[in-house]
Amino acid sequence: MYAGGGPLGELMEAAARGRAEAREAELAARRAERAAEKEIDDDIAFVSGMIAELVEAALLATKHHRHKGQWRARANG
């Protein structure tokens, strides 16, 4: 919407500029939040992988084996 020059035009231009800055700030905040969430997700994936490796090592050390994807104790220990 064109409001012309003068005080009304300047006021409307300043308001539009303020809305644009607010939108940009909101977008920047969302980007930062997504980056933080990705970092947390990556940390969770890393820890989850380490836990899976530790569980597998513990099961193998106690003479367990995989059978069709399931862990089972060896029959003759």
PDB file of N, CA and C in Angstrom:
ATOM      1  N   MET A   1       0.842  -1.160   0.000  1.00  0.00           N
ATOM      2  CA  MET A   1       0.000   0.000   0.000  1.00  0.00           C
ATOM      3  C   MET A   1       0.895   1.234   0.000  1.00  0.00           C
ATOM      4  N   TYR A   2       0.610   2.109  -0.931  1.00  0.00           N
ATOM      5  CA  TYR A   2       1.394   3.336  -1.040  1.00  0.00           C
ATOM      6  C   TYR A   2       0.700   4.443  -0.264  1.00  0.00           C
ATOM      7  N   ALA A   3       1.426   5.066   0.637  1.00  0.00           N
ATOM      8  CA  ALA A   3       0.849   6.144   1.440  1.00  0.00           C
ATOM      9  C   ALA A   3       1.458   7.486   1.080  1.00  0.00           C
ATOM     10  N   GLY A   4       2.281   7.508   0.052  1.00  0.00           N
ATOM     11  CA  GLY A   4       2.869   8.762  -0.381  1.00  0.00           C
ATOM     12  C   GLY A   4       4.033   9.177   0.499  1.00  0.00           C
ATOM     13  N   GLY A   5       4.463  10.385   0.311  1.00  0.00           N
ATOM     14  CA  GLY A   5       5.559  10.912   1.111  1.00  0.00           C
ATOM     15  C   GLY A   5       5.016  11.539   2.379  1.00  0.00           C
ATOM     16  N   GLY A   6       5.786  12.325   2.985  1.00  0.00           N
ATOM     17  CA  GLY A   6       5.345  13.030   4.177  1.00  0.00           C
ATOM     18  C   GLY A   6       5.350  12.156   5.411  1.00  0.00           C
ATOM     19  N   PRO A   7       4.794  12.684   6.486  1.00  0.00           N
ATOM     20  CA  PRO A   7       4.822  11.974   7.773  1.00  0.00           C
ATOM     21  C   PRO A   7       4.095  10.633   7.743  1.00  0.00           C
ATOM     22  N   LEU A   8       2.945  10.563   7.086  1.00  0.00           N
ATOM     23  CA  LEU A   8       2.206   9.299   7.039  1.00  0.00           C
ATOM     24  C   LEU A   8       2.997   8.249   6.265  1.00  0.00           C
ATOM     25  N   GLY A   9       3.577   8.617   5.142  1.00  0.00           N
ATOM     26  CA  GLY A   9       4.384   7.695   4.354  1.00  0.00           C
ATOM     27  C   GLY A   9       5.600   7.212   5.124  1.00  0.00           C
ATOM     28  N   GLU A  10       6.257   8.105   5.819  1.00  0.00           N
ATOM     29  CA  GLU A  10       7.419   7.734   6.632  1.00  0.00           C
ATOM     30  C   GLU A  10       7.025   6.800   7.764  1.00  0.00           C
ATOM     31  N   LEU A  11       5.891   7.073   8.380  1.00  0.00           N
ATOM     32  CA  LEU A  11       5.403   6.216   9.465  1.00  0.00           C
ATOM     33  C   LEU A  11       5.090   4.811   8.960  1.00  0.00           C
ATOM     34  N   MET A  12       4.435   4.728   7.810  1.00  0.00           N
ATOM     35  CA  MET A  12       4.090   3.417   7.255  1.00  0.00           C
ATOM     36  C   MET A  12       5.349   2.664   6.819  1.00  0.00           C
ATOM     37  N   GLU A  13       6.316   3.397   6.287  1.00  0.00           N
ATOM     38  CA  GLU A  13       7.580   2.769   5.898  1.00  0.00           C
ATOM     39  C   GLU A  13       8.317   2.229   7.121  1.00  0.00           C
ATOM     40  N   ALA A  14       8.326   2.989   8.197  1.00  0.00           N
ATOM     41  CA  ALA A  14       8.982   2.539   9.432  1.00  0.00           C
ATOM     42  C   ALA A  14       8.272   1.317  10.005  1.00  0.00           C
ATOM     43  N   ALA A  15       6.938   1.315   9.932  1.00  0.00           N
ATOM     44  CA  ALA A  15       6.185   0.156  10.435  1.00  0.00           C
ATOM     45  C   ALA A  15       6.497  -1.085   9.597  1.00  0.00           C
ATOM     46  N   ALA A  16       6.549  -0.923   8.287  1.00  0.00           N
ATOM     47  CA  ALA A  16       6.867  -2.054   7.405  1.00  0.00           C
ATOM     48  C   ALA A  16       8.275  -2.573   7.680  1.00  0.00           C
ATOM     49  N   ARG A  17       9.207  -1.656   7.892  1.00  0.00           N
ATOM     50  CA  ARG A  17      10.584  -2.041   8.193  1.00  0.00           C
ATOM     51  C   ARG A  17      10.629  -2.808   9.518  1.00  0.00           C
ATOM     52  N   GLY A  18       9.870  -2.353  10.503  1.00  0.00           N
ATOM     53  CA  GLY A  18       9.823  -3.040  11.796  1.00  0.00           C
ATOM     54  C   GLY A  18       9.262  -4.442  11.671  1.00  0.00           C
ATOM     55  N   ARG A  19       8.213  -4.612  10.855  1.00  0.00           N
ATOM     56  CA  ARG A  19       7.642  -5.954  10.648  1.00  0.00           C
ATOM     57  C   ARG A  19       8.648  -6.869   9.953  1.00  0.00           C
ATOM     58  N   ALA A  20       9.367  -6.333   8.972  1.00  0.00           N
ATOM     59  CA  ALA A  20      10.368  -7.136   8.261  1.00  0.00           C
ATOM     60  C   ALA A  20      11.490  -7.554   9.210  1.00  0.00           C
ATOM     61  N   GLU A  21      11.923  -6.643  10.057  1.00  0.00           N
ATOM     62  CA  GLU A  21      12.979  -6.978  11.024  1.00  0.00           C
ATOM     63  C   GLU A  21      12.499  -8.018  12.021  1.00  0.00           C
ATOM     64  N   ALA A  22      11.242  -7.904  12.437  1.00  0.00           N
ATOM     65  CA  ALA A  22      10.681  -8.890  13.377  1.00  0.00           C
ATOM     66  C   ALA A  22      10.606 -10.265  12.720  1.00  0.00           C
ATOM     67  N   ARG A  23      10.199 -10.311  11.447  1.00  0.00           N
ATOM     68  CA  ARG A  23      10.149 -11.591  10.724  1.00  0.00           C
ATOM     69  C   ARG A  23      11.541 -12.202  10.607  1.00  0.00           C
ATOM     70  N   GLU A  24      12.525 -11.382  10.283  1.00  0.00           N
ATOM     71  CA  GLU A  24      13.901 -11.873  10.152  1.00  0.00           C
ATOM     72  C   GLU A  24      14.425 -12.384  11.492  1.00  0.00           C
ATOM     73  N   ALA A  25      14.110 -11.702  12.564  1.00  0.00           N
ATOM     74  CA  ALA A  25      14.537 -12.146  13.896  1.00  0.00           C
ATOM     75  C   ALA A  25      13.888 -13.487  14.245  1.00  0.00           C
ATOM     76  N   GLU A  26      12.612 -13.638  13.890  1.00  0.00           N
ATOM     77  CA  GLU A  26      11.907 -14.900  14.152  1.00  0.00           C
ATOM     78  C   GLU A  26      12.538 -16.036  13.340  1.00  0.00           C
ATOM     79  N   LEU A  27      12.852 -15.776  12.087  1.00  0.00           N
ATOM     80  CA  LEU A  27      13.494 -16.791  11.254  1.00  0.00           C
ATOM     81  C   LEU A  27      14.866 -17.171  11.799  1.00  0.00           C
ATOM     82  N   ALA A  28      15.627 -16.193  12.250  1.00  0.00           N
ATOM     83  CA  ALA A  28      16.945 -16.469  12.826  1.00  0.00           C
ATOM     84  C   ALA A  28      16.814 -17.312  14.092  1.00  0.00           C
ATOM     85  N   ALA A  29      15.808 -17.009  14.904  1.00  0.00           N
ATOM     86  CA  ALA A  29      15.586 -17.788  16.130  1.00  0.00           C
ATOM     87  C   ALA A  29      15.209 -19.228  15.785  1.00  0.00           C
ATOM     88  N   ARG A  30      14.377 -19.400  14.767  1.00  0.00           N
ATOM     89  CA  ARG A  30      13.996 -20.761  14.353  1.00  0.00           C
ATOM     90  C   ARG A  30      15.200 -21.532  13.828  1.00  0.00           C
ATOM     91  N   ARG A  31      16.046 -20.861  13.037  1.00  0.00           N
ATOM     92  CA  ARG A  31      17.259 -21.530  12.528  1.00  0.00           C
ATOM     93  C   ARG A  31      18.164 -21.963  13.679  1.00  0.00           C
ATOM     94  N   ALA A  32      18.327 -21.095  14.659  1.00  0.00           N
ATOM     95  CA  ALA A  32      19.172 -21.427  15.811  1.00  0.00           C
ATOM     96  C   ALA A  32      18.582 -22.595  16.593  1.00  0.00           C
ATOM     97  N   GLU A  33      17.258 -22.609  16.737  1.00  0.00           N
ATOM     98  CA  GLU A  33      16.604 -23.690  17.466  1.00  0.00           C
ATOM     99  C   GLU A  33      16.768 -25.016  16.713  1.00  0.00           C
ATOM    100  N   ARG A  34      16.602 -24.993  15.392  1.00  0.00           N
ATOM    101  CA  ARG A  34      16.787 -26.220  14.604  1.00  0.00           C
ATOM    102  C   ARG A  34      18.227 -26.717  14.697  1.00  0.00           C
ATOM    103  N   ALA A  35      19.187 -25.808  14.688  1.00  0.00           N
ATOM    104  CA  ALA A  35      20.592 -26.206  14.799  1.00  0.00           C
ATOM    105  C   ALA A  35      20.860 -26.854  16.155  1.00  0.00           C
ATOM    106  N   ALA A  36      20.291 -26.274  17.215  1.00  0.00           N
ATOM    107  CA  ALA A  36      20.474 -26.844  18.556  1.00  0.00           C
ATOM    108  C   ALA A  36      19.816 -28.218  18.645  1.00  0.00           C
ATOM    109  N   GLU A  37      18.620 -28.355  18.060  1.00  0.00           N
ATOM    110  CA  GLU A  37      17.936 -29.648  18.082  1.00  0.00           C
ATOM    111  C   GLU A  37      18.722 -30.700  17.302  1.00  0.00           C
ATOM    112  N   LYS A  38      19.310 -30.306  16.167  1.00  0.00           N
ATOM    113  CA  LYS A  38      20.114 -31.250  15.394  1.00  0.00           C
ATOM    114  C   LYS A  38      21.329 -31.702  16.186  1.00  0.00           C
ATOM    115  N   GLU A  39      21.953 -30.780  16.893  1.00  0.00           N
ATOM    116  CA  GLU A  39      23.111 -31.141  17.712  1.00  0.00           C
ATOM    117  C   GLU A  39      22.706 -32.138  18.804  1.00  0.00           C
ATOM    118  N   ILE A  40      21.564 -31.914  19.420  1.00  0.00           N
ATOM    119  CA  ILE A  40      21.070 -32.846  20.446  1.00  0.00           C
ATOM    120  C   ILE A  40      20.765 -34.199  19.818  1.00  0.00           C
ATOM    121  N   ASP A  41      20.099 -34.197  18.644  1.00  0.00           N
ATOM    122  CA  ASP A  41      19.793 -35.459  17.964  1.00  0.00           C
ATOM    123  C   ASP A  41      21.066 -36.223  17.616  1.00  0.00           C
ATOM    124  N   ASP A  42      22.088 -35.506  17.152  1.00  0.00           N
ATOM    125  CA  ASP A  42      23.361 -36.159  16.826  1.00  0.00           C
ATOM    126  C   ASP A  42      24.003 -36.761  18.074  1.00  0.00           C
ATOM    127  N   ASP A  43      23.938 -36.044  19.190  1.00  0.00           N
ATOM    128  CA  ASP A  43      24.497 -36.564  20.444  1.00  0.00           C
ATOM    129  C   ASP A  43      23.742 -37.812  20.891  1.00  0.00           C
ATOM    130  N   ILE A  44      22.413 -37.785  20.780  1.00  0.00           N
ATOM    131  CA  ILE A  44      21.603 -38.946  21.167  1.00  0.00           C
ATOM    132  C   ILE A  44      21.942 -40.141  20.285  1.00  0.00           C
ATOM    133  N   ALA A  45      22.081 -39.913  18.986  1.00  0.00           N
ATOM    134  CA  ALA A  45      22.425 -41.008  18.070  1.00  0.00           C
ATOM    135  C   ALA A  45      23.787 -41.599  18.415  1.00  0.00           C
ATOM    136  N   PHE A  46      24.748 -40.746  18.753  1.00  0.00           N
ATOM    137  CA  PHE A  46      26.081 -41.224  19.117  1.00  0.00           C
ATOM    138  C   PHE A  46      26.018 -42.074  20.386  1.00  0.00           C
ATOM    139  N   VAL A  47      25.354 -41.566  21.415  1.00  0.00           N
ATOM    140  CA  VAL A  47      25.256 -42.297  22.685  1.00  0.00           C
ATOM    141  C   VAL A  47      24.493 -43.605  22.484  1.00  0.00           C
ATOM    142  N   SER A  48      23.439 -43.564  21.686  1.00  0.00           N
ATOM    143  CA  SER A  48      22.664 -44.775  21.412  1.00  0.00           C
ATOM    144  C   SER A  48      23.538 -45.835  20.736  1.00  0.00           C
ATOM    145  N   GLY A  49      24.341 -45.419  19.793  1.00  0.00           N
ATOM    146  CA  GLY A  49      25.251 -46.352  19.132  1.00  0.00           C
ATOM    147  C   GLY A  49      26.263 -46.941  20.090  1.00  0.00           C
ATOM    148  N   MET A  50      26.791 -46.107  20.981  1.00  0.00           N
ATOM    149  CA  MET A  50      27.761 -46.598  21.967  1.00  0.00           C
ATOM    150  C   MET A  50      27.106 -47.608  22.916  1.00  0.00           C
ATOM    151  N   ILE A  51      25.877 -47.325  23.324  1.00  0.00           N
ATOM    152  CA  ILE A  51      25.157 -48.251  24.214  1.00  0.00           C
ATOM    153  C   ILE A  51      24.941 -49.585  23.511  1.00  0.00           C
ATOM    154  N   ALA A  52      24.535 -49.541  22.250  1.00  0.00           N
ATOM    155  CA  ALA A  52      24.317 -50.780  21.496  1.00  0.00           C
ATOM    156  C   ALA A  52      25.605 -51.596  21.409  1.00  0.00           C
ATOM    157  N   GLU A  53      26.733 -50.917  21.182  1.00  0.00           N
ATOM    158  CA  GLU A  53      28.018 -51.628  21.121  1.00  0.00           C
ATOM    159  C   GLU A  53      28.384 -52.235  22.476  1.00  0.00           C
ATOM    160  N   LEU A  54      28.141 -51.501  23.550  1.00  0.00           N
ATOM    161  CA  LEU A  54      28.441 -52.029  24.890  1.00  0.00           C
ATOM    162  C   LEU A  54      27.561 -53.228  25.224  1.00  0.00           C
ATOM    163  N   VAL A  55      26.285 -53.159  24.874  1.00  0.00           N
ATOM    164  CA  VAL A  55      25.380 -54.281  25.128  1.00  0.00           C
ATOM    165  C   VAL A  55      25.828 -55.502  24.335  1.00  0.00           C
ATOM    166  N   GLU A  56      26.167 -55.292  23.065  1.00  0.00           N
ATOM    167  CA  GLU A  56      26.619 -56.410  22.247  1.00  0.00           C
ATOM    168  C   GLU A  56      27.894 -57.025  22.821  1.00  0.00           C
ATOM    169  N   ALA A  57      28.831 -56.202  23.252  1.00  0.00           N
ATOM    170  CA  ALA A  57      30.073 -56.712  23.841  1.00  0.00           C
ATOM    171  C   ALA A  57      29.787 -57.506  25.112  1.00  0.00           C
ATOM    172  N   ALA A  58      28.884 -57.002  25.938  1.00  0.00           N
ATOM    173  CA  ALA A  58      28.542 -57.699  27.182  1.00  0.00           C
ATOM    174  C   ALA A  58      27.884 -59.038  26.882  1.00  0.00           C
ATOM    175  N   LEU A  59      26.993 -59.061  25.896  1.00  0.00           N
ATOM    176  CA  LEU A  59      26.327 -60.315  25.555  1.00  0.00           C
ATOM    177  C   LEU A  59      27.304 -61.320  24.955  1.00  0.00           C
ATOM    178  N   LEU A  60      28.186 -60.855  24.106  1.00  0.00           N
ATOM    179  CA  LEU A  60      29.186 -61.765  23.541  1.00  0.00           C
ATOM    180  C   LEU A  60      30.125 -62.287  24.626  1.00  0.00           C
ATOM    181  N   ALA A  61      30.485 -61.448  25.579  1.00  0.00           N
ATOM    182  CA  ALA A  61      31.373 -61.865  26.671  1.00  0.00           C
ATOM    183  C   ALA A  61      30.707 -62.898  27.567  1.00  0.00           C
ATOM    184  N   THR A  62      29.401 -62.904  27.620  1.00  0.00           N
ATOM    185  CA  THR A  62      28.679 -63.881  28.453  1.00  0.00           C
ATOM    186  C   THR A  62      28.165 -65.050  27.615  1.00  0.00           C
ATOM    187  N   LYS A  63      28.825 -65.273  26.468  1.00  0.00           N
ATOM    188  CA  LYS A  63      28.568 -66.431  25.602  1.00  0.00           C
ATOM    189  C   LYS A  63      27.173 -66.437  24.971  1.00  0.00           C
ATOM    190  N   HIS A  64      26.629 -65.262  24.705  1.00  0.00           N
ATOM    191  CA  HIS A  64      25.365 -65.181  23.981  1.00  0.00           C
ATOM    192  C   HIS A  64      25.670 -65.087  22.489  1.00  0.00           C
ATOM    193  N   HIS A  65      24.666 -65.388  21.671  1.00  0.00           N
ATOM    194  CA  HIS A  65      24.822 -65.279  20.232  1.00  0.00           C
ATOM    195  C   HIS A  65      23.503 -64.795  19.628  1.00  0.00           C
ATOM    196  N   ARG A  66      23.596 -64.366  18.396  1.00  0.00           N
ATOM    197  CA  ARG A  66      22.377 -63.921  17.710  1.00  0.00           C
ATOM    198  C   ARG A  66      21.793 -65.093  16.920  1.00  0.00           C
ATOM    199  N   HIS A  67      20.495 -65.228  17.031  1.00  0.00           N
ATOM    200  CA  HIS A  67      19.778 -66.218  16.253  1.00  0.00           C
ATOM    201  C   HIS A  67      18.558 -65.525  15.669  1.00  0.00           C
ATOM    202  N   LYS A  68      18.546 -65.361  14.356  1.00  0.00           N
ATOM    203  CA  LYS A  68      17.449 -64.675  13.662  1.00  0.00           C
ATOM    204  C   LYS A  68      17.196 -63.294  14.264  1.00  0.00           C
ATOM    205  N   GLY A  69      18.258 -62.587  14.573  1.00  0.00           N
ATOM    206  CA  GLY A  69      18.147 -61.225  15.089  1.00  0.00           C
ATOM    207  C   GLY A  69      17.931 -61.117  16.589  1.00  0.00           C
ATOM    208  N   GLN A  70      17.758 -62.236  17.263  1.00  0.00           N
ATOM    209  CA  GLN A  70      17.536 -62.216  18.712  1.00  0.00           C
ATOM    210  C   GLN A  70      18.777 -62.734  19.424  1.00  0.00           C
ATOM    211  N   TRP A  71      19.034 -62.176  20.602  1.00  0.00           N
ATOM    212  CA  TRP A  71      20.158 -62.653  21.418  1.00  0.00           C
ATOM    213  C   TRP A  71      19.702 -63.861  22.210  1.00  0.00           C
ATOM    214  N   ARG A  72      20.537 -64.890  22.202  1.00  0.00           N
ATOM    215  CA  ARG A  72      20.225 -66.106  22.953  1.00  0.00           C
ATOM    216  C   ARG A  72      21.473 -66.607  23.659  1.00  0.00           C
ATOM    217  N   ALA A  73      21.240 -67.257  24.791  1.00  0.00           N
ATOM    218  CA  ALA A  73      22.355 -67.874  25.514  1.00  0.00           C
ATOM    219  C   ALA A  73      22.727 -69.168  24.807  1.00  0.00           C
ATOM    220  N   ARG A  74      24.005 -69.466  24.809  1.00  0.00           N
ATOM    221  CA  ARG A  74      24.438 -70.721  24.183  1.00  0.00           C
ATOM    222  C   ARG A  74      23.898 -71.886  25.025  1.00  0.00           C
ATOM    223  N   ALA A  75      23.470 -72.919  24.317  1.00  0.00           N
ATOM    224  CA  ALA A  75      22.869 -74.066  24.989  1.00  0.00           C
ATOM    225  C   ALA A  75      23.854 -74.796  25.887  1.00  0.00           C
ATOM    226  N   ASN A  76      25.101 -74.901  25.459  1.00  0.00           N
ATOM    227  CA  ASN A  76      26.071 -75.634  26.270  1.00  0.00           C
ATOM    228  C   ASN A  76      27.112 -74.683  26.861  1.00  0.00           C
ATOM    229  N   GLY A  77      26.641 -73.488  27.219  1.00  0.00           N
ATOM    230  CA  GLY A  77      27.323 -72.479  27.976  1.00  0.00           C
ATOM    231  C   GLY A  77      28.750 -72.280  27.774  1.00  0.00           C
TER     232      GLY A  77
END
